[in-house]
N, C-alpha and C. Protein backbone atom coordinates (compact mmCIF):
# COMPACT_ATOMS: atom_id res chain seq x y z
N UNK A 1 15.29 -37.34 -13.61
CA UNK A 1 16.33 -37.80 -12.73
C UNK A 1 15.76 -38.96 -11.93
N UNK A 2 16.40 -40.11 -11.97
CA UNK A 2 15.88 -41.28 -11.26
C UNK A 2 16.42 -41.30 -9.84
N UNK A 3 15.62 -41.87 -8.97
CA UNK A 3 15.99 -41.96 -7.56
C UNK A 3 16.76 -43.25 -7.33
N UNK A 4 17.76 -43.18 -6.47
CA UNK A 4 18.53 -44.37 -6.11
C UNK A 4 17.63 -45.26 -5.26
N UNK A 5 17.47 -46.52 -5.62
CA UNK A 5 16.56 -47.41 -4.90
C UNK A 5 17.03 -47.73 -3.50
N UNK A 6 18.30 -47.53 -3.20
CA UNK A 6 18.83 -47.83 -1.88
C UNK A 6 18.66 -46.68 -0.90
N UNK A 7 18.38 -45.47 -1.40
CA UNK A 7 18.25 -44.33 -0.50
C UNK A 7 16.81 -44.23 0.02
N UNK A 8 16.64 -43.72 1.23
CA UNK A 8 15.28 -43.60 1.79
C UNK A 8 14.47 -42.51 1.08
N UNK A 9 13.17 -42.67 1.13
CA UNK A 9 12.27 -41.69 0.53
C UNK A 9 12.18 -40.50 1.48
N UNK A 10 12.30 -39.28 1.00
CA UNK A 10 12.21 -38.12 1.90
C UNK A 10 10.83 -38.04 2.55
N UNK A 11 10.80 -37.58 3.81
CA UNK A 11 9.54 -37.47 4.55
C UNK A 11 8.63 -36.42 3.92
N UNK A 12 9.21 -35.32 3.53
CA UNK A 12 8.43 -34.25 2.89
C UNK A 12 8.97 -34.02 1.50
N UNK A 13 8.08 -33.86 0.53
CA UNK A 13 8.58 -33.55 -0.82
C UNK A 13 9.15 -32.14 -0.87
N UNK A 14 9.99 -31.91 -1.83
CA UNK A 14 10.58 -30.58 -1.99
C UNK A 14 9.49 -29.58 -2.33
N UNK A 15 9.53 -28.41 -1.70
CA UNK A 15 8.53 -27.40 -2.08
C UNK A 15 8.82 -26.88 -3.49
N UNK A 16 7.78 -26.50 -4.19
CA UNK A 16 8.03 -25.98 -5.54
C UNK A 16 8.80 -24.67 -5.47
N UNK A 17 9.55 -24.43 -6.50
CA UNK A 17 10.33 -23.19 -6.56
C UNK A 17 9.42 -21.99 -6.75
N UNK A 18 9.99 -20.81 -6.66
CA UNK A 18 9.16 -19.61 -6.84
C UNK A 18 8.59 -19.56 -8.26
N UNK A 19 7.37 -19.08 -8.39
CA UNK A 19 6.79 -19.01 -9.73
C UNK A 19 7.57 -18.02 -10.59
N UNK A 20 7.61 -18.31 -11.85
CA UNK A 20 8.32 -17.40 -12.75
C UNK A 20 7.45 -16.17 -12.96
N UNK A 21 7.91 -15.07 -12.44
CA UNK A 21 7.15 -13.83 -12.55
C UNK A 21 7.80 -12.93 -13.58
N UNK A 22 6.97 -12.20 -14.26
CA UNK A 22 7.45 -11.24 -15.25
C UNK A 22 7.31 -9.87 -14.62
N UNK A 23 8.38 -9.15 -14.55
CA UNK A 23 8.34 -7.81 -13.99
C UNK A 23 7.52 -6.90 -14.89
N UNK A 24 6.85 -5.90 -14.30
CA UNK A 24 6.04 -5.00 -15.13
C UNK A 24 6.83 -4.31 -16.23
N UNK A 25 8.10 -4.06 -15.99
CA UNK A 25 8.90 -3.40 -17.02
C UNK A 25 9.20 -4.32 -18.20
N UNK A 26 9.10 -5.65 -17.98
CA UNK A 26 9.38 -6.60 -19.04
C UNK A 26 8.13 -7.05 -19.77
N UNK A 27 6.95 -6.79 -19.20
CA UNK A 27 5.71 -7.23 -19.82
C UNK A 27 5.41 -6.38 -21.05
N UNK A 28 4.85 -7.00 -22.08
CA UNK A 28 4.50 -6.20 -23.27
C UNK A 28 3.36 -5.25 -22.95
N UNK A 29 3.31 -4.10 -23.60
CA UNK A 29 2.25 -3.14 -23.30
C UNK A 29 0.89 -3.65 -23.78
N UNK A 30 -0.15 -3.19 -23.11
CA UNK A 30 -1.50 -3.59 -23.49
C UNK A 30 -1.85 -3.03 -24.86
N UNK A 31 -1.52 -1.79 -25.11
CA UNK A 31 -1.74 -1.14 -26.40
C UNK A 31 -0.42 -0.54 -26.87
N UNK A 32 -0.23 -0.54 -28.16
CA UNK A 32 0.95 0.15 -28.68
C UNK A 32 0.69 1.66 -28.63
N UNK A 33 1.74 2.41 -28.76
CA UNK A 33 1.60 3.86 -28.75
C UNK A 33 0.74 4.31 -29.92
N UNK A 34 0.90 3.66 -31.05
CA UNK A 34 0.13 3.98 -32.25
C UNK A 34 -1.36 3.81 -31.99
N UNK A 35 -1.76 2.68 -31.39
CA UNK A 35 -3.16 2.43 -31.11
C UNK A 35 -3.70 3.38 -30.05
N UNK A 36 -2.90 3.68 -29.03
CA UNK A 36 -3.35 4.59 -27.98
C UNK A 36 -3.60 5.99 -28.53
N UNK A 37 -2.72 6.47 -29.40
CA UNK A 37 -2.91 7.80 -29.98
C UNK A 37 -4.15 7.82 -30.86
N UNK A 38 -4.38 6.75 -31.62
CA UNK A 38 -5.56 6.68 -32.48
C UNK A 38 -6.84 6.68 -31.64
N UNK A 39 -6.87 5.92 -30.54
CA UNK A 39 -8.05 5.89 -29.69
C UNK A 39 -8.29 7.21 -28.97
N UNK A 40 -7.24 7.85 -28.51
CA UNK A 40 -7.41 9.13 -27.83
C UNK A 40 -7.90 10.19 -28.80
N UNK A 41 -7.34 10.23 -29.99
CA UNK A 41 -7.79 11.22 -30.99
C UNK A 41 -9.23 10.93 -31.41
N UNK A 42 -9.59 9.67 -31.57
CA UNK A 42 -10.97 9.32 -31.93
C UNK A 42 -11.93 9.68 -30.81
N UNK A 43 -11.52 9.49 -29.58
CA UNK A 43 -12.35 9.90 -28.44
C UNK A 43 -12.57 11.40 -28.41
N UNK A 44 -11.53 12.14 -28.70
CA UNK A 44 -11.65 13.60 -28.75
C UNK A 44 -12.61 14.03 -29.86
N UNK A 45 -12.50 13.41 -31.02
CA UNK A 45 -13.39 13.73 -32.14
C UNK A 45 -14.83 13.38 -31.79
N UNK A 46 -15.04 12.21 -31.17
CA UNK A 46 -16.38 11.81 -30.77
C UNK A 46 -16.97 12.73 -29.73
N UNK A 47 -16.16 13.16 -28.79
CA UNK A 47 -16.63 14.10 -27.76
C UNK A 47 -17.03 15.44 -28.36
N UNK A 48 -16.23 15.95 -29.25
CA UNK A 48 -16.52 17.24 -29.90
C UNK A 48 -17.79 17.12 -30.74
N UNK A 49 -17.91 16.05 -31.53
CA UNK A 49 -19.10 15.88 -32.36
C UNK A 49 -20.35 15.72 -31.52
N UNK A 50 -20.27 14.95 -30.46
CA UNK A 50 -21.42 14.80 -29.57
C UNK A 50 -21.81 16.11 -28.93
N UNK A 51 -20.83 16.89 -28.53
CA UNK A 51 -21.12 18.20 -27.93
C UNK A 51 -21.76 19.15 -28.93
N UNK A 52 -21.27 19.15 -30.16
CA UNK A 52 -21.85 20.02 -31.17
C UNK A 52 -23.29 19.62 -31.51
N UNK A 53 -23.54 18.32 -31.59
CA UNK A 53 -24.91 17.87 -31.86
C UNK A 53 -25.82 18.21 -30.69
N UNK A 54 -25.33 18.07 -29.48
CA UNK A 54 -26.16 18.42 -28.33
C UNK A 54 -26.48 19.91 -28.30
N UNK A 55 -25.51 20.74 -28.66
CA UNK A 55 -25.76 22.19 -28.67
C UNK A 55 -26.76 22.57 -29.75
N UNK A 56 -26.79 21.86 -30.85
CA UNK A 56 -27.70 22.23 -31.93
C UNK A 56 -29.08 21.57 -31.79
N UNK A 57 -29.15 20.34 -31.30
CA UNK A 57 -30.41 19.60 -31.25
C UNK A 57 -31.03 19.58 -29.86
N UNK A 58 -30.27 19.81 -28.81
CA UNK A 58 -30.71 19.72 -27.41
C UNK A 58 -31.28 18.33 -27.10
N UNK A 59 -30.69 17.29 -27.66
CA UNK A 59 -31.13 15.92 -27.46
C UNK A 59 -29.93 15.06 -27.06
N UNK A 60 -30.01 14.49 -25.86
CA UNK A 60 -28.91 13.66 -25.39
C UNK A 60 -28.76 12.38 -26.21
N UNK A 61 -29.85 11.66 -26.54
CA UNK A 61 -29.66 10.44 -27.34
C UNK A 61 -29.04 10.70 -28.70
N UNK A 62 -29.41 11.79 -29.35
CA UNK A 62 -28.81 12.11 -30.65
C UNK A 62 -27.34 12.46 -30.48
N UNK A 63 -27.01 13.17 -29.41
CA UNK A 63 -25.63 13.56 -29.17
C UNK A 63 -24.76 12.32 -28.89
N UNK A 64 -25.29 11.38 -28.10
CA UNK A 64 -24.53 10.16 -27.80
C UNK A 64 -24.35 9.33 -29.07
N UNK A 65 -25.41 9.24 -29.86
CA UNK A 65 -25.30 8.47 -31.11
C UNK A 65 -24.29 9.12 -32.06
N UNK A 66 -24.32 10.43 -32.16
CA UNK A 66 -23.36 11.11 -33.03
C UNK A 66 -21.93 10.95 -32.52
N UNK A 67 -21.75 11.05 -31.22
CA UNK A 67 -20.41 10.90 -30.65
C UNK A 67 -19.86 9.50 -30.84
N UNK A 68 -20.70 8.48 -30.57
CA UNK A 68 -20.24 7.11 -30.75
C UNK A 68 -20.02 6.78 -32.22
N UNK A 69 -20.88 7.30 -33.07
CA UNK A 69 -20.71 7.05 -34.50
C UNK A 69 -19.45 7.68 -35.05
N UNK A 70 -19.19 8.91 -34.65
CA UNK A 70 -17.97 9.56 -35.14
C UNK A 70 -16.72 8.91 -34.54
N UNK A 71 -16.82 8.43 -33.30
CA UNK A 71 -15.69 7.70 -32.71
C UNK A 71 -15.41 6.43 -33.52
N UNK A 72 -16.47 5.67 -33.78
CA UNK A 72 -16.30 4.41 -34.50
C UNK A 72 -15.80 4.59 -35.92
N UNK A 73 -16.24 5.66 -36.57
CA UNK A 73 -15.78 5.89 -37.95
C UNK A 73 -14.38 6.47 -38.01
N UNK A 74 -13.98 7.19 -36.98
CA UNK A 74 -12.67 7.84 -37.04
C UNK A 74 -11.54 6.92 -36.61
N UNK A 75 -11.82 5.86 -35.87
CA UNK A 75 -10.74 4.96 -35.42
C UNK A 75 -9.99 4.34 -36.61
N UNK A 76 -10.68 3.71 -37.58
CA UNK A 76 -9.90 3.13 -38.69
C UNK A 76 -9.22 4.18 -39.56
N UNK A 77 -9.87 5.32 -39.71
CA UNK A 77 -9.26 6.39 -40.52
C UNK A 77 -7.99 6.90 -39.85
N UNK A 78 -8.07 7.15 -38.55
CA UNK A 78 -6.89 7.62 -37.83
C UNK A 78 -5.80 6.55 -37.77
N UNK A 79 -6.20 5.30 -37.68
CA UNK A 79 -5.22 4.22 -37.66
C UNK A 79 -4.39 4.20 -38.94
N UNK A 80 -5.04 4.43 -40.05
CA UNK A 80 -4.31 4.46 -41.33
C UNK A 80 -3.53 5.77 -41.51
N UNK A 81 -4.13 6.88 -41.07
CA UNK A 81 -3.48 8.17 -41.26
C UNK A 81 -2.23 8.31 -40.38
N UNK A 82 -2.30 7.86 -39.13
CA UNK A 82 -1.18 8.03 -38.22
C UNK A 82 -0.05 7.07 -38.56
N UNK A 83 -0.38 5.85 -38.90
CA UNK A 83 0.66 4.84 -39.11
C UNK A 83 1.00 4.72 -40.55
């Protein structure tokens, strides 16, 4: 929009309008329900496996490794099985 050359220049520029905000109800979810269920189930499997290894070996590093390994291996399997 061009300014009329005969009109005076405003002393203060117009303030910018309110920023376009997205309401939380309109924002897309961080994870889909499918992914959330797969991660929760994999976490449960990893926790159980880690606990079982700890009960049998009495070693925290082995239990953590077993839990993380079973979590990592079960995520893609559960992703395919659930969806």
